[in-house]
Amino acid sequence: MPGVRTSAARAGRGKLAGLAATSILAVSLCGCGGSSAASRPSLILYNGQHPQTTEALVAGFERATGIQVEVRSNDEDVLADQLVEEGSSSPADVLYTENSPALEYLQRRGMLAHLPESILGRVESRYDSPVGDWVGVSARVSVMVYNTRLLRPAQLPASVMQLAEPRWRGLLAIAPGETDFQPIVTSIARRYGRPAAVAWLEAIKSNAGQQVYPDNETITSAVNSGQAEIGIINHYYWYRLKAEVGAAQIHSAIAYFAPRDAGYVIDVSGAAVLRSARHRAAAERFLEFLVGHRGQEILAHGDSFEYPLGSGVVTAQPLRPFSDLEPAQLTIADLGDGAEAVALLHLAQLL
């Protein structure tokens, strides 16, 4: 029986207007013999990535392997908590996230399976799990987005710390509830200490005022329309808005913080096989596809605007070359499981 695709929006977060978020219902069983559609192997994917990115990758994987994938999408932190609650009875075979902390959160609880070198070897080790329990798939970088009618490049701050200055009061947009924001908080805490990080959070909260938004898409749109003058996002949100509305409707641009600044952070999107996976072989094949040449080429040429990390593939999109980025020197282990950032955000009453 062929798989049936149904809509599944990520809770509380609009992802590129007009694009349908889908999940894929597979009713075939893994490991059965024969060549009929009813005997095709299958797996269940918990998806915390952008639905349109996952849709393209899943479609390519299904065509290449005949393995059917059921996708269940939600925010990555929601899915991580759900997996902890479900424990060994979880139906999930694979978790795919936007950021590494959700994966580290589960790895530290012993919930992820160790991956073979055939998967890990496709990606530089600095973008993988420090203990080999998940693999990096793609990357993004934190940037400033600013309204080009209201600000000139020379007026932009060099450091993320400068956004706490009174000069930005009423002009700044933030989305502290985004998991993309947590690595920046962690980076600041590691560079300047926890008290300084809380003070910075309290100051940008004051500067943002009513412009505290639920997600990076809203920040990008608010800055582009002039509702806010500047915001902190991951680079790909701006490129996605440009692709959606067209260059003529873009009144904003992105800019990078000074080299090695605490706000200049590489975020890694990764995937893992659950230790409790019922379809381990199919799950590993899915990860091999993600970081293999075919999966990475889908990322390189698609509309995700992320940087491929595996198999030597580079993006075909007009992004700053990944090799030219000069981020803060943070490791995956430094970013950890996000608990420190969440605690600091609570102290600043931003969560």
Protein backbone atom coordinates (compact mmCIF):
# COMPACT_ATOMS: atom_id res chain seq x y z
CA MET A 1 0.00 0.00 0.00
CA PRO A 2 1.58 3.34 -0.99
CA GLY A 3 2.34 5.99 1.63
CA VAL A 4 -0.20 8.79 2.11
CA ARG A 5 1.06 12.35 2.67
CA THR A 6 -0.82 14.64 5.06
CA SER A 7 -0.31 18.19 6.38
CA ALA A 8 1.47 18.71 9.74
CA ALA A 9 2.38 22.25 10.77
CA ARG A 10 5.08 22.91 13.36
CA ALA A 11 3.44 24.10 16.58
CA GLY A 12 3.43 27.84 17.08
CA ARG A 13 5.80 28.68 14.24
CA GLY A 14 4.91 29.85 10.70
CA LYS A 15 7.38 28.49 8.16
CA LEU A 16 7.54 30.35 4.85
CA ALA A 17 3.99 31.32 3.93
CA GLY A 18 2.28 29.28 1.29
CA LEU A 19 4.39 26.16 1.76
CA ALA A 20 2.56 23.11 3.04
CA ALA A 21 4.19 21.26 5.90
CA THR A 22 3.69 17.55 5.40
CA SER A 23 4.07 14.32 7.21
CA ILE A 24 4.26 10.99 5.48
CA LEU A 25 2.17 8.07 6.67
CA ALA A 26 3.79 4.72 6.00
CA VAL A 27 1.81 1.58 6.65
CA SER A 28 4.33 -0.98 5.45
CA LEU A 29 6.41 -3.08 7.82
CA CYS A 30 10.20 -3.20 7.99
CA GLY A 31 11.93 -6.49 7.36
CA CYS A 32 9.16 -8.29 5.42
CA GLY A 33 10.15 -10.19 2.32
CA GLY A 34 8.80 -9.90 -1.20
CA SER A 35 8.62 -7.00 -3.64
CA SER A 36 5.04 -5.80 -3.20
CA ALA A 37 4.29 -2.28 -1.92
CA ALA A 38 2.90 -3.82 1.27
CA SER A 39 6.33 -5.33 2.06
CA ARG A 40 8.40 -2.16 1.76
CA PRO A 41 10.48 -1.27 4.82
CA SER A 42 9.60 1.88 6.72
CA LEU A 43 10.76 4.19 9.48
CA ILE A 44 9.35 6.95 11.69
CA LEU A 45 11.07 10.33 11.70
CA TYR A 46 10.56 12.91 14.45
CA ASN A 47 11.24 16.13 12.59
CA GLY A 48 12.30 19.39 14.25
CA GLN A 49 13.69 20.84 11.03
CA HIS A 50 11.80 23.15 8.67
CA PRO A 51 9.14 21.01 6.98
CA GLN A 52 10.03 22.06 3.45
CA THR A 53 13.67 21.06 3.99
CA THR A 54 12.66 17.67 5.35
CA GLU A 55 10.07 17.11 2.63
CA ALA A 56 12.69 17.43 -0.10
CA LEU A 57 15.13 15.12 1.68
CA VAL A 58 12.51 12.50 2.51
CA ALA A 59 11.21 12.49 -1.06
CA GLY A 60 14.73 11.96 -2.38
CA PHE A 61 15.40 9.19 0.12
CA GLU A 62 12.16 7.37 -0.69
CA ARG A 63 12.92 7.51 -4.42
CA ALA A 64 16.46 6.26 -3.89
CA THR A 65 15.70 3.42 -1.48
CA GLY A 66 12.01 2.50 -1.62
CA ILE A 67 11.90 2.92 2.16
CA GLN A 68 8.77 4.75 3.30
CA VAL A 69 9.07 7.48 5.94
CA GLU A 70 6.40 8.70 8.33
CA VAL A 71 7.24 12.25 9.42
CA ARG A 72 5.97 13.69 12.69
CA SER A 73 6.89 17.37 12.96
CA ASN A 74 7.06 19.73 15.91
CA ASP A 75 9.56 22.11 17.51
CA GLU A 76 12.78 20.30 18.34
CA ASP A 77 12.58 21.04 22.07
CA VAL A 78 9.02 19.68 22.17
CA LEU A 79 10.12 16.52 20.37
CA ALA A 80 13.12 16.05 22.68
CA ASP A 81 10.90 16.27 25.75
CA GLN A 82 8.41 13.92 24.12
CA LEU A 83 11.14 11.36 23.49
CA VAL A 84 12.23 11.51 27.13
CA GLU A 85 8.63 10.95 28.19
CA GLU A 86 8.13 8.08 25.75
CA GLY A 87 11.42 6.44 26.68
CA SER A 88 12.13 3.02 25.20
CA SER A 89 8.50 2.74 24.03
CA SER A 90 8.86 5.65 21.59
CA PRO A 91 7.85 4.79 18.03
CA ALA A 92 10.55 7.12 16.66
CA ASP A 93 13.50 5.74 14.73
CA VAL A 94 15.21 9.03 13.84
CA LEU A 95 15.31 12.56 15.25
CA TYR A 96 16.25 15.42 12.90
CA THR A 97 16.74 18.85 14.47
CA GLU A 98 17.60 22.42 13.57
CA ASN A 99 20.17 22.76 16.37
CA SER A 100 22.61 20.58 18.26
CA PRO A 101 21.44 21.21 21.88
CA ALA A 102 18.32 19.06 21.48
CA LEU A 103 20.50 16.17 20.30
CA GLU A 104 22.99 16.68 23.12
CA TYR A 105 20.08 16.72 25.58
CA LEU A 106 19.09 13.22 24.47
CA GLN A 107 22.66 11.96 24.09
CA ARG A 108 23.40 12.84 27.70
CA ARG A 109 20.42 10.70 28.70
CA GLY A 110 21.73 7.70 26.79
CA MET A 111 18.86 7.73 24.30
CA LEU A 112 20.83 7.84 21.04
CA ALA A 113 22.53 4.97 19.23
CA HIS A 114 26.22 5.18 18.38
CA LEU A 115 26.64 5.75 14.65
CA PRO A 116 28.97 3.84 12.32
CA GLU A 117 31.96 5.48 10.66
CA SER A 118 30.20 5.13 7.30
CA ILE A 119 27.94 7.97 8.53
CA LEU A 120 30.21 9.98 10.82
CA GLY A 121 33.07 9.94 8.32
CA ARG A 122 31.08 12.02 5.81
CA VAL A 123 31.22 15.14 8.03
CA GLU A 124 34.07 16.95 9.79
CA SER A 125 34.17 15.69 13.37
CA ARG A 126 33.76 19.19 14.84
CA TYR A 127 30.21 19.25 13.46
CA ASP A 128 29.24 15.84 14.87
CA SER A 129 28.39 14.53 18.31
CA PRO A 130 31.54 14.62 20.49
CA VAL A 131 30.89 10.93 21.30
CA GLY A 132 29.59 9.83 17.89
CA ASP A 133 25.87 9.55 18.71
CA TRP A 134 24.57 11.99 16.08
CA VAL A 135 25.79 13.50 12.83
CA GLY A 136 25.79 17.09 11.56
CA VAL A 137 23.78 17.56 8.38
CA SER A 138 23.81 21.30 7.65
CA ALA A 139 24.75 24.60 9.26
CA ARG A 140 23.58 28.18 9.63
CA VAL A 141 25.19 31.30 11.05
CA SER A 142 23.73 33.98 13.31
CA VAL A 143 23.63 37.46 11.75
CA MET A 144 22.02 40.86 12.05
CA VAL A 145 19.11 41.71 9.77
CA TYR A 146 18.57 45.44 9.29
CA ASN A 147 16.26 47.74 7.38
CA THR A 148 18.23 49.35 4.56
CA ARG A 149 15.95 52.41 4.46
CA LEU A 150 16.51 53.16 8.14
CA LEU A 151 20.09 52.07 8.78
CA ARG A 152 23.37 52.27 6.91
CA PRO A 153 26.03 49.57 7.25
CA ALA A 154 28.32 52.04 9.03
CA GLN A 155 25.71 52.45 11.77
CA LEU A 156 25.56 48.74 12.61
CA PRO A 157 27.13 47.39 15.80
CA ALA A 158 30.30 45.35 15.51
CA SER A 159 29.41 43.20 18.51
CA VAL A 160 26.23 41.56 19.70
CA MET A 161 26.95 43.12 23.10
CA GLN A 162 26.36 46.60 21.64
CA LEU A 163 22.71 45.78 21.02
CA ALA A 164 22.26 46.26 24.78
CA GLU A 165 23.14 49.95 24.45
CA PRO A 166 20.36 52.57 24.85
CA ARG A 167 20.91 53.62 21.22
CA TRP A 168 18.82 50.57 20.15
CA ARG A 169 15.86 51.19 22.44
CA GLY A 170 12.64 50.70 20.52
CA LEU A 171 14.53 49.65 17.38
CA LEU A 172 15.50 46.05 18.14
CA ALA A 173 13.51 42.86 17.46
CA ILE A 174 14.26 39.56 19.23
CA ALA A 175 12.79 36.06 19.46
CA PRO A 176 14.10 34.66 22.76
CA GLY A 177 11.81 31.63 22.60
CA GLU A 178 13.51 30.39 19.42
CA THR A 179 15.91 27.51 19.96
CA ASP A 180 18.13 29.32 17.42
CA PHE A 181 18.62 32.08 20.02
CA GLN A 182 19.92 29.80 22.77
CA PRO A 183 23.41 29.25 21.29
CA ILE A 184 23.99 33.02 21.26
CA VAL A 185 23.08 33.21 24.96
CA THR A 186 25.41 30.28 25.69
CA SER A 187 28.19 31.95 23.70
CA ILE A 188 27.85 35.22 25.65
CA ALA A 189 27.77 33.40 28.99
CA ARG A 190 30.93 31.49 28.13
CA ARG A 191 32.75 34.61 26.93
CA TYR A 192 31.64 37.10 29.59
CA GLY A 193 30.12 35.04 32.42
CA ARG A 194 26.57 34.35 33.57
CA PRO A 195 25.94 37.72 35.33
CA ALA A 196 26.98 39.60 32.19
CA ALA A 197 24.76 37.38 30.06
CA VAL A 198 21.73 38.08 32.27
CA ALA A 199 22.47 41.82 32.21
CA TRP A 200 22.69 41.69 28.42
CA LEU A 201 19.40 39.80 28.16
CA GLU A 202 17.64 42.29 30.43
CA ALA A 203 18.98 45.19 28.36
CA ILE A 204 17.92 43.78 25.01
CA LYS A 205 14.53 42.93 26.49
CA SER A 206 14.17 46.61 27.41
CA ASN A 207 15.40 47.71 23.98
CA ALA A 208 12.99 45.41 22.17
CA GLY A 209 9.97 46.57 24.16
CA GLN A 210 6.92 45.26 22.33
CA GLN A 211 9.04 43.76 19.55
CA VAL A 212 9.62 40.42 21.27
CA TYR A 213 8.45 37.94 18.66
CA PRO A 214 7.75 34.19 18.58
CA ASP A 215 10.15 33.33 15.77
CA ASN A 216 12.83 34.47 13.36
CA GLU A 217 10.39 34.67 10.46
CA THR A 218 8.47 37.39 12.28
CA ILE A 219 11.67 39.29 13.09
CA THR A 220 12.75 39.19 9.46
CA SER A 221 9.38 40.43 8.21
CA ALA A 222 9.17 43.14 10.88
CA VAL A 223 12.60 44.47 9.98
CA ASN A 224 11.92 44.28 6.25
CA SER A 225 8.71 46.30 6.69
CA GLY A 226 10.40 48.89 8.93
CA GLN A 227 8.46 47.96 12.05
CA ALA A 228 11.85 47.30 13.62
CA GLU A 229 15.23 48.54 12.45
CA ILE A 230 17.44 45.60 13.42
CA GLY A 231 17.17 42.03 14.67
CA ILE A 232 19.17 38.89 15.38
CA ILE A 233 18.41 35.85 13.20
CA ASN A 234 20.04 32.93 11.46
CA HIS A 235 21.04 33.90 7.94
CA TYR A 236 18.67 31.62 6.07
CA TYR A 237 15.48 33.34 7.23
CA TRP A 238 16.39 36.44 5.24
CA TYR A 239 17.17 34.41 2.10
CA ARG A 240 13.88 32.56 2.44
CA LEU A 241 11.93 35.80 2.74
CA LYS A 242 13.67 37.13 -0.36
CA ALA A 243 12.79 33.96 -2.28
CA GLU A 244 9.19 34.23 -1.11
CA VAL A 245 8.43 37.90 -1.81
CA GLY A 246 10.95 38.71 -4.54
CA ALA A 247 13.93 41.06 -4.56
CA ALA A 248 11.77 44.10 -5.35
CA GLN A 249 9.98 43.70 -2.01
CA ILE A 250 13.16 43.41 0.04
CA HIS A 251 14.07 46.50 2.06
CA SER A 252 16.53 44.79 4.33
CA ALA A 253 19.90 43.08 4.33
CA ILE A 254 21.98 40.89 6.59
CA ALA A 255 25.30 41.77 8.16
CA TYR A 256 27.84 39.79 10.15
CA PHE A 257 29.20 40.57 13.57
CA ALA A 258 32.94 41.18 13.91
CA PRO A 259 35.10 38.08 13.50
CA ARG A 260 35.00 35.80 16.57
CA ASP A 261 32.36 37.96 18.25
CA ALA A 262 30.19 36.14 20.78
CA GLY A 263 27.16 36.78 18.57
CA TYR A 264 28.77 35.17 15.52
CA VAL A 265 27.71 31.56 16.07
CA ILE A 266 27.56 28.52 13.80
CA ASP A 267 24.46 26.42 14.49
CA VAL A 268 24.51 22.78 13.41
CA SER A 269 21.42 20.90 12.28
CA GLY A 270 21.84 17.19 12.92
CA ALA A 271 20.21 13.79 13.00
CA ALA A 272 20.36 10.75 15.24
CA VAL A 273 19.09 7.18 15.42
CA LEU A 274 17.21 6.44 18.62
CA ARG A 275 18.64 3.64 20.76
CA SER A 276 15.10 2.26 20.92
CA ALA A 277 14.63 2.37 17.12
CA ARG A 278 12.64 -0.56 15.78
CA HIS A 279 13.95 -0.07 12.26
CA ARG A 280 17.67 0.49 12.94
CA ALA A 281 18.95 -0.52 9.52
CA ALA A 282 16.49 1.75 7.67
CA ALA A 283 17.24 4.59 10.10
CA GLU A 284 20.97 4.33 9.46
CA ARG A 285 20.34 4.31 5.71
CA PHE A 286 18.36 7.54 6.12
CA LEU A 287 21.26 9.22 7.94
CA GLU A 288 23.69 7.91 5.31
CA PHE A 289 21.48 9.55 2.68
CA LEU A 290 21.31 12.86 4.58
CA VAL A 291 25.09 13.25 4.75
CA GLY A 292 25.84 11.46 1.49
CA HIS A 293 26.30 13.20 -1.83
CA ARG A 294 22.68 12.89 -2.98
CA GLY A 295 21.16 14.28 0.22
CA GLN A 296 23.70 17.06 0.49
CA GLU A 297 23.09 18.06 -3.12
CA ILE A 298 19.38 18.43 -2.30
CA LEU A 299 20.36 20.86 0.45
CA ALA A 300 22.88 22.63 -1.80
CA HIS A 301 20.38 23.31 -4.58
CA GLY A 302 17.12 23.59 -2.62
CA ASP A 303 15.43 26.50 -0.90
CA SER A 304 16.64 25.71 2.61
CA PHE A 305 19.57 28.15 2.18
CA GLU A 306 21.59 26.14 4.69
CA TYR A 307 25.22 25.11 4.33
CA PRO A 308 25.73 21.40 3.51
CA LEU A 309 28.21 19.79 5.90
CA GLY A 310 28.76 16.35 4.37
CA SER A 311 30.50 14.61 1.48
CA GLY A 312 32.41 17.71 0.34
CA VAL A 313 29.28 19.33 -1.11
CA VAL A 314 29.09 23.15 -1.08
CA THR A 315 26.00 25.29 -1.45
CA ALA A 316 24.89 26.37 -4.89
CA GLN A 317 23.03 29.33 -3.38
CA PRO A 318 24.56 32.85 -3.33
CA LEU A 319 25.63 32.72 0.32
CA ARG A 320 28.90 33.88 1.82
CA PRO A 321 31.18 30.83 1.40
CA PHE A 322 31.16 28.67 4.48
CA SER A 323 34.96 28.65 4.51
CA ASP A 324 34.96 32.47 4.74
CA LEU A 325 32.89 32.60 7.93
CA GLU A 326 34.73 33.73 11.08
CA PRO A 327 32.53 32.61 13.98
CA ALA A 328 33.19 32.52 17.70
CA GLN A 329 35.36 29.57 18.65
CA LEU A 330 32.69 27.39 20.20
CA THR A 331 32.57 23.62 20.07
CA ILE A 332 29.49 21.43 20.06
CA ALA A 333 30.40 20.51 23.63
CA ASP A 334 30.54 24.22 24.54
CA LEU A 335 27.00 24.72 23.25
CA GLY A 336 25.90 21.71 25.28
CA ASP A 337 22.26 20.80 25.76
CA GLY A 338 20.92 24.37 26.01
CA ALA A 339 20.06 24.11 29.72
CA GLU A 340 22.33 27.00 30.69
CA ALA A 341 20.80 29.30 28.08
CA VAL A 342 17.26 28.39 29.10
CA ALA A 343 18.07 29.08 32.76
CA LEU A 344 19.50 32.50 31.89
CA LEU A 345 16.50 33.37 29.73
CA HIS A 346 14.24 32.52 32.66
CA LEU A 347 16.31 34.72 34.97
CA ALA A 348 15.84 37.60 32.54
CA GLN A 349 12.12 36.78 32.32
CA LEU A 350 12.33 36.23 28.59
CA LEU A 351 10.84 32.74 28.86
